[in-house]
């Protein structure tokens, strides 16, 4: 379900830049890649440090195309 939902067309690469600094929640465990829900949309994401994040909140720190780079929120 998560994979199918994440494949819908994103609103554009420019919008990804607007997400930097935003906080989201883990939708599918980040090992180190998975999915996060940010600003009401499901995004593919990768933990910048390479650690595993099973659940909780993350902060967007960057992006590569439609892959968000995130860090665990402390």
N, C-alpha and C. Protein backbone atom coordinates (compact mmCIF):
# COMPACT_ATOMS: atom_id res chain seq x y z
N UNK A 1 0.82 -1.18 0.00
CA UNK A 1 0.00 0.00 0.00
C UNK A 1 0.87 1.25 0.00
N UNK A 2 1.91 1.28 0.84
CA UNK A 2 2.77 2.45 0.92
C UNK A 2 3.46 2.70 -0.41
N UNK A 3 3.95 1.63 -1.04
CA UNK A 3 4.64 1.78 -2.32
C UNK A 3 3.72 2.34 -3.40
N UNK A 4 2.51 1.84 -3.47
CA UNK A 4 1.56 2.33 -4.47
C UNK A 4 1.21 3.79 -4.23
N UNK A 5 1.03 4.15 -2.99
CA UNK A 5 0.65 5.52 -2.66
C UNK A 5 1.78 6.50 -2.98
N UNK A 6 3.03 6.07 -2.78
CA UNK A 6 4.16 6.97 -3.01
C UNK A 6 4.44 7.20 -4.49
N UNK A 7 3.86 6.39 -5.35
CA UNK A 7 4.11 6.52 -6.79
C UNK A 7 3.26 7.59 -7.46
N UNK A 8 2.30 8.17 -6.73
CA UNK A 8 1.49 9.19 -7.38
C UNK A 8 2.36 10.38 -7.76
N UNK A 9 1.97 11.13 -8.76
CA UNK A 9 2.78 12.21 -9.27
C UNK A 9 2.92 13.32 -8.23
N UNK A 10 4.16 13.72 -7.97
CA UNK A 10 4.43 14.79 -7.04
C UNK A 10 4.15 16.12 -7.73
N UNK A 11 4.00 17.16 -6.94
CA UNK A 11 3.62 18.46 -7.48
C UNK A 11 4.76 19.20 -8.13
N UNK A 12 5.94 18.64 -8.12
CA UNK A 12 7.08 19.26 -8.80
C UNK A 12 8.31 19.29 -7.93
N UNK A 13 9.46 19.29 -8.57
CA UNK A 13 10.72 19.25 -7.83
C UNK A 13 10.93 20.51 -7.02
N UNK A 14 10.43 21.65 -7.47
CA UNK A 14 10.57 22.89 -6.73
C UNK A 14 9.91 22.81 -5.37
N UNK A 15 8.85 22.05 -5.28
CA UNK A 15 8.12 21.91 -4.01
C UNK A 15 8.96 21.17 -2.98
N UNK A 16 9.85 20.29 -3.41
CA UNK A 16 10.70 19.56 -2.48
C UNK A 16 11.55 20.53 -1.67
N UNK A 17 12.07 21.56 -2.31
CA UNK A 17 12.90 22.53 -1.61
C UNK A 17 12.13 23.23 -0.50
N UNK A 18 10.84 23.43 -0.67
CA UNK A 18 10.00 24.05 0.35
C UNK A 18 9.86 23.17 1.58
N UNK A 19 10.17 21.89 1.48
CA UNK A 19 9.99 20.97 2.60
C UNK A 19 11.18 20.97 3.56
N UNK A 20 12.31 21.56 3.18
CA UNK A 20 13.47 21.59 4.04
C UNK A 20 13.11 22.27 5.36
N UNK A 21 13.43 21.57 6.45
CA UNK A 21 13.11 22.09 7.78
C UNK A 21 11.78 21.62 8.33
N UNK A 22 10.94 21.05 7.46
CA UNK A 22 9.63 20.57 7.90
C UNK A 22 9.78 19.26 8.68
N UNK A 23 8.81 19.01 9.55
CA UNK A 23 8.80 17.79 10.36
C UNK A 23 7.71 16.88 9.82
N UNK A 24 8.01 15.58 9.74
CA UNK A 24 7.04 14.60 9.29
C UNK A 24 7.10 13.36 10.16
N UNK A 25 6.31 12.37 9.79
CA UNK A 25 6.29 11.13 10.55
C UNK A 25 6.67 9.95 9.65
N UNK A 26 7.26 8.95 10.26
CA UNK A 26 7.69 7.76 9.51
C UNK A 26 6.47 6.92 9.17
N UNK A 27 6.29 6.63 7.88
CA UNK A 27 5.18 5.80 7.43
C UNK A 27 5.63 4.36 7.20
N UNK A 28 6.86 4.19 6.73
CA UNK A 28 7.46 2.86 6.54
C UNK A 28 8.89 2.98 7.04
N UNK A 29 9.31 2.08 7.90
CA UNK A 29 10.61 2.16 8.56
C UNK A 29 11.72 2.58 7.60
N UNK A 30 12.57 3.47 8.08
CA UNK A 30 13.72 3.96 7.31
C UNK A 30 14.92 3.11 7.67
N UNK A 31 15.36 2.25 6.73
CA UNK A 31 16.45 1.29 6.99
C UNK A 31 17.53 1.35 5.93
N UNK A 32 18.23 2.29 5.60
CA UNK A 32 18.01 3.69 5.89
C UNK A 32 16.99 4.36 4.97
N UNK A 33 16.44 3.62 3.96
CA UNK A 33 15.40 4.20 3.11
C UNK A 33 14.04 3.66 3.49
N UNK A 34 13.02 4.46 3.28
CA UNK A 34 11.65 4.08 3.57
C UNK A 34 10.72 5.18 3.09
N UNK A 35 9.67 5.44 3.86
CA UNK A 35 8.69 6.45 3.47
C UNK A 35 8.31 7.31 4.67
N UNK A 36 8.07 8.59 4.39
CA UNK A 36 7.65 9.53 5.43
C UNK A 36 6.45 10.32 4.93
N UNK A 37 5.66 10.78 5.86
CA UNK A 37 4.52 11.63 5.54
C UNK A 37 4.88 13.04 5.96
N UNK A 38 5.00 13.93 4.97
CA UNK A 38 5.36 15.33 5.21
C UNK A 38 4.39 16.21 4.45
N UNK A 39 3.83 17.19 5.12
CA UNK A 39 2.93 18.16 4.50
C UNK A 39 1.77 17.47 3.79
N UNK A 40 1.28 16.38 4.36
CA UNK A 40 0.13 15.68 3.81
C UNK A 40 0.41 14.79 2.62
N UNK A 41 1.69 14.60 2.27
CA UNK A 41 2.05 13.74 1.15
C UNK A 41 3.05 12.69 1.60
N UNK A 42 2.98 11.54 0.97
CA UNK A 42 3.91 10.45 1.24
C UNK A 42 5.12 10.61 0.32
N UNK A 43 6.32 10.57 0.92
CA UNK A 43 7.56 10.75 0.17
C UNK A 43 8.51 9.60 0.47
N UNK A 44 9.31 9.22 -0.53
CA UNK A 44 10.43 8.32 -0.28
C UNK A 44 11.46 9.12 0.48
N UNK A 45 12.12 8.50 1.44
CA UNK A 45 13.09 9.22 2.24
C UNK A 45 14.25 8.33 2.62
N UNK A 46 15.35 8.98 2.94
CA UNK A 46 16.57 8.29 3.36
C UNK A 46 17.13 9.03 4.57
N UNK A 47 17.52 8.27 5.58
CA UNK A 47 18.14 8.87 6.76
C UNK A 47 19.57 9.27 6.38
N UNK A 48 19.90 10.52 6.54
CA UNK A 48 21.20 11.04 6.13
C UNK A 48 22.35 10.31 6.84
N UNK A 49 22.20 9.98 8.11
CA UNK A 49 23.27 9.33 8.88
C UNK A 49 23.38 7.83 8.60
N UNK A 50 22.39 7.25 7.93
CA UNK A 50 22.41 5.83 7.65
C UNK A 50 21.82 4.96 8.75
N UNK A 51 21.42 5.57 9.87
CA UNK A 51 20.84 4.80 10.97
C UNK A 51 19.43 4.32 10.62
N UNK A 52 18.90 3.42 11.41
CA UNK A 52 17.53 2.94 11.22
C UNK A 52 16.58 3.77 12.08
N UNK A 53 15.46 4.15 11.49
CA UNK A 53 14.40 4.84 12.22
C UNK A 53 13.12 4.06 11.97
N UNK A 54 12.66 3.35 12.97
CA UNK A 54 11.49 2.48 12.83
C UNK A 54 10.17 3.25 12.85
N UNK A 55 10.10 4.26 13.72
CA UNK A 55 8.88 5.06 13.82
C UNK A 55 9.22 6.38 14.49
N UNK A 56 8.27 7.28 14.51
CA UNK A 56 8.51 8.57 15.16
C UNK A 56 8.51 9.71 14.15
N UNK A 57 9.15 10.78 14.57
CA UNK A 57 9.17 11.98 13.76
C UNK A 57 10.55 12.22 13.19
N UNK A 58 10.58 12.81 12.00
CA UNK A 58 11.83 13.14 11.32
C UNK A 58 11.76 14.57 10.80
N UNK A 59 12.93 15.16 10.60
CA UNK A 59 13.01 16.51 10.04
C UNK A 59 13.69 16.42 8.68
N UNK A 60 13.14 17.09 7.67
CA UNK A 60 13.71 17.12 6.33
C UNK A 60 14.93 18.05 6.34
N UNK A 61 16.08 17.52 5.90
CA UNK A 61 17.31 18.31 5.87
C UNK A 61 17.85 18.52 4.46
N UNK A 62 17.21 17.91 3.48
CA UNK A 62 17.63 18.07 2.10
C UNK A 62 16.83 17.17 1.18
N UNK A 63 17.20 17.18 -0.09
CA UNK A 63 16.50 16.35 -1.07
C UNK A 63 17.39 16.11 -2.28
N UNK A 64 17.16 14.98 -2.91
CA UNK A 64 17.78 14.63 -4.19
C UNK A 64 16.65 14.19 -5.09
N UNK A 65 16.21 15.08 -5.95
CA UNK A 65 15.03 14.79 -6.77
C UNK A 65 13.83 14.64 -5.86
N UNK A 66 13.15 13.50 -5.94
CA UNK A 66 11.99 13.24 -5.09
C UNK A 66 12.31 12.34 -3.91
N UNK A 67 13.59 12.22 -3.56
CA UNK A 67 14.01 11.45 -2.39
C UNK A 67 14.43 12.45 -1.32
N UNK A 68 13.70 12.48 -0.23
CA UNK A 68 14.02 13.40 0.85
C UNK A 68 15.14 12.83 1.71
N UNK A 69 16.00 13.70 2.18
CA UNK A 69 17.02 13.32 3.16
C UNK A 69 16.52 13.83 4.50
N UNK A 70 16.47 12.93 5.49
CA UNK A 70 15.89 13.28 6.78
C UNK A 70 16.82 12.89 7.93
N UNK A 71 16.54 13.47 9.09
CA UNK A 71 17.21 13.12 10.34
C UNK A 71 16.14 12.86 11.38
N UNK A 72 16.42 11.93 12.29
CA UNK A 72 15.48 11.64 13.37
C UNK A 72 15.32 12.88 14.24
N UNK A 73 14.10 13.19 14.58
CA UNK A 73 13.80 14.32 15.46
C UNK A 73 14.03 13.87 16.89
N UNK A 74 14.78 14.65 17.65
CA UNK A 74 15.08 14.25 19.03
C UNK A 74 14.07 14.79 20.02
